[in-house]
Amino acid sequence: MAPQTTDRASTHSMEKDLEKVDYIEVNHNKYANIGLTAEETDFYENYPEESRKKMIRKIDFRLVPVLALLYLMVSANWITWYLFGDLADRCFSHE
């Protein structure tokens, strides 16, 4: 196996790029991966725990029934398609 050599031009350009950087910014926002800004993260972390629990409970009571109904509608649609899809294809085909 041949020894790995580095290209002088690429090494030179990397050195020039590193000279341009004064400092490397480190993001300490632990919620940045879900799209929260630093200000939103600060608001979330300083929000009172009891109020947060009430808000989540209110969202759960409103959102979970809607999602359950949506799930039932979709699954019923898939079951209907599975059971009667072939029959419907034969009935409505013009062959």
C-alpha atoms as a PDB file:
ATOM      1  CA  MET A   1       0.000   0.000   0.000  1.00  0.00           C
ATOM      2  CA  ALA A   2       1.336   3.393  -0.973  1.00  0.00           C
ATOM      3  CA  PRO A   3       2.036   5.920   1.782  1.00  0.00           C
ATOM      4  CA  GLN A   4      -0.587   8.639   2.090  1.00  0.00           C
ATOM      5  CA  THR A   5       0.659  12.022   0.981  1.00  0.00           C
ATOM      6  CA  THR A   6      -1.063  15.349   1.411  1.00  0.00           C
ATOM      7  CA  ASP A   7      -1.337  17.850  -1.349  1.00  0.00           C
ATOM      8  CA  ARG A   8       0.703  21.003  -0.709  1.00  0.00           C
ATOM      9  CA  ALA A   9      -2.023  23.217  -2.131  1.00  0.00           C
ATOM     10  CA  SER A  10      -4.702  21.795   0.159  1.00  0.00           C
ATOM     11  CA  THR A  11      -2.423  22.034   3.219  1.00  0.00           C
ATOM     12  CA  HIS A  12      -1.597  25.625   2.355  1.00  0.00           C
ATOM     13  CA  SER A  13      -5.266  26.561   1.870  1.00  0.00           C
ATOM     14  CA  MET A  14      -6.214  24.915   5.180  1.00  0.00           C
ATOM     15  CA  GLU A  15      -3.542  26.928   6.972  1.00  0.00           C
ATOM     16  CA  LYS A  16      -4.833  30.140   5.379  1.00  0.00           C
ATOM     17  CA  ASP A  17      -8.414  29.293   6.415  1.00  0.00           C
ATOM     18  CA  LEU A  18      -7.320  28.633   9.986  1.00  0.00           C
ATOM     19  CA  GLU A  19      -5.522  31.986  10.085  1.00  0.00           C
ATOM     20  CA  LYS A  20      -8.801  33.754   9.211  1.00  0.00           C
ATOM     21  CA  VAL A  21     -10.635  32.258  12.203  1.00  0.00           C
ATOM     22  CA  ASP A  22     -10.305  34.331  15.374  1.00  0.00           C
ATOM     23  CA  TYR A  23     -12.307  31.985  17.552  1.00  0.00           C
ATOM     24  CA  ILE A  24     -14.613  29.037  17.177  1.00  0.00           C
ATOM     25  CA  GLU A  25     -18.114  29.762  18.387  1.00  0.00           C
ATOM     26  CA  VAL A  26     -19.493  27.015  20.604  1.00  0.00           C
ATOM     27  CA  ASN A  27     -23.250  26.806  20.895  1.00  0.00           C
ATOM     28  CA  HIS A  28     -24.249  26.088  24.492  1.00  0.00           C
ATOM     29  CA  ASN A  29     -27.949  25.910  23.616  1.00  0.00           C
ATOM     30  CA  LYS A  30     -28.927  22.337  24.426  1.00  0.00           C
ATOM     31  CA  TYR A  31     -32.270  22.749  22.624  1.00  0.00           C
ATOM     32  CA  ALA A  32     -30.794  24.064  19.369  1.00  0.00           C
ATOM     33  CA  ASN A  33     -31.232  20.692  17.675  1.00  0.00           C
ATOM     34  CA  ILE A  34     -35.044  21.054  17.918  1.00  0.00           C
ATOM     35  CA  GLY A  35     -35.000  24.619  16.610  1.00  0.00           C
ATOM     36  CA  LEU A  36     -35.213  26.700  19.790  1.00  0.00           C
ATOM     37  CA  THR A  37     -33.270  29.927  19.916  1.00  0.00           C
ATOM     38  CA  ALA A  38     -31.263  30.919  22.970  1.00  0.00           C
ATOM     39  CA  GLU A  39     -34.050  33.272  24.057  1.00  0.00           C
ATOM     40  CA  GLU A  40     -36.688  30.536  23.756  1.00  0.00           C
ATOM     41  CA  THR A  41     -34.455  28.106  25.652  1.00  0.00           C
ATOM     42  CA  ASP A  42     -34.033  30.639  28.443  1.00  0.00           C
ATOM     43  CA  PHE A  43     -37.831  31.127  28.622  1.00  0.00           C
ATOM     44  CA  TYR A  44     -38.429  27.362  28.711  1.00  0.00           C
ATOM     45  CA  GLU A  45     -35.863  26.690  31.419  1.00  0.00           C
ATOM     46  CA  ASN A  46     -37.067  29.561  33.632  1.00  0.00           C
ATOM     47  CA  TYR A  47     -40.783  28.796  33.247  1.00  0.00           C
ATOM     48  CA  PRO A  48     -42.284  27.650  36.600  1.00  0.00           C
ATOM     49  CA  GLU A  49     -42.552  23.860  36.908  1.00  0.00           C
ATOM     50  CA  GLU A  50     -46.164  23.864  38.113  1.00  0.00           C
ATOM     51  CA  SER A  51     -47.282  26.114  35.250  1.00  0.00           C
ATOM     52  CA  ARG A  52     -45.406  23.916  32.785  1.00  0.00           C
ATOM     53  CA  LYS A  53     -47.205  20.800  34.063  1.00  0.00           C
ATOM     54  CA  LYS A  54     -50.598  22.534  33.784  1.00  0.00           C
ATOM     55  CA  MET A  55     -49.838  23.668  30.248  1.00  0.00           C
ATOM     56  CA  ILE A  56     -48.708  20.207  29.138  1.00  0.00           C
ATOM     57  CA  ARG A  57     -51.771  18.613  30.734  1.00  0.00           C
ATOM     58  CA  LYS A  58     -54.036  21.081  28.896  1.00  0.00           C
ATOM     59  CA  ILE A  59     -52.309  20.340  25.590  1.00  0.00           C
ATOM     60  CA  ASP A  60     -52.580  16.603  26.235  1.00  0.00           C
ATOM     61  CA  PHE A  61     -56.306  16.795  26.948  1.00  0.00           C
ATOM     62  CA  ARG A  62     -56.877  18.664  23.700  1.00  0.00           C
ATOM     63  CA  LEU A  63     -54.415  16.954  21.392  1.00  0.00           C
ATOM     64  CA  VAL A  64     -54.565  13.267  22.360  1.00  0.00           C
ATOM     65  CA  PRO A  65     -58.289  12.776  21.547  1.00  0.00           C
ATOM     66  CA  VAL A  66     -57.825  14.389  18.134  1.00  0.00           C
ATOM     67  CA  LEU A  67     -54.798  12.220  17.368  1.00  0.00           C
ATOM     68  CA  ALA A  68     -56.639   9.097  18.566  1.00  0.00           C
ATOM     69  CA  LEU A  69     -59.596   9.883  16.304  1.00  0.00           C
ATOM     70  CA  LEU A  70     -57.267  10.512  13.372  1.00  0.00           C
ATOM     71  CA  TYR A  71     -55.497   7.213  14.033  1.00  0.00           C
ATOM     72  CA  LEU A  72     -58.806   5.325  14.135  1.00  0.00           C
ATOM     73  CA  MET A  73     -59.985   6.940  10.903  1.00  0.00           C
ATOM     74  CA  VAL A  74     -56.759   6.079   9.085  1.00  0.00           C
ATOM     75  CA  SER A  75     -56.647   2.524  10.383  1.00  0.00           C
ATOM     76  CA  ALA A  76     -60.312   1.993   9.459  1.00  0.00           C
ATOM     77  CA  ASN A  77     -59.531   3.269   5.979  1.00  0.00           C
ATOM     78  CA  TRP A  78     -56.616   0.826   5.638  1.00  0.00           C
ATOM     79  CA  ILE A  79     -58.731  -2.071   6.907  1.00  0.00           C
ATOM     80  CA  THR A  80     -61.501  -1.224   4.457  1.00  0.00           C
ATOM     81  CA  TRP A  81     -59.031  -0.990   1.621  1.00  0.00           C
ATOM     82  CA  TYR A  82     -57.454  -4.317   2.615  1.00  0.00           C
ATOM     83  CA  LEU A  83     -60.764  -6.144   2.870  1.00  0.00           C
ATOM     84  CA  PHE A  84     -62.641  -4.636  -0.037  1.00  0.00           C
ATOM     85  CA  GLY A  85     -59.950  -3.187  -2.261  1.00  0.00           C
ATOM     86  CA  ASP A  86     -59.722  -6.196  -4.527  1.00  0.00           C
ATOM     87  CA  LEU A  87     -63.515  -6.400  -4.777  1.00  0.00           C
ATOM     88  CA  ALA A  88     -63.771  -2.716  -5.647  1.00  0.00           C
ATOM     89  CA  ASP A  89     -61.051  -3.108  -8.282  1.00  0.00           C
ATOM     90  CA  ARG A  90     -63.024  -5.913  -9.929  1.00  0.00           C
ATOM     91  CA  CYS A  91     -66.362  -4.061  -9.732  1.00  0.00           C
ATOM     92  CA  PHE A  92     -65.139  -0.782 -11.179  1.00  0.00           C
ATOM     93  CA  SER A  93     -62.745  -2.080 -13.820  1.00  0.00           C
ATOM     94  CA  HIS A  94     -63.974  -1.744 -17.381  1.00  0.00           C
ATOM     95  CA  GLU A  95     -62.389  -4.859 -18.781  1.00  0.00           C
END
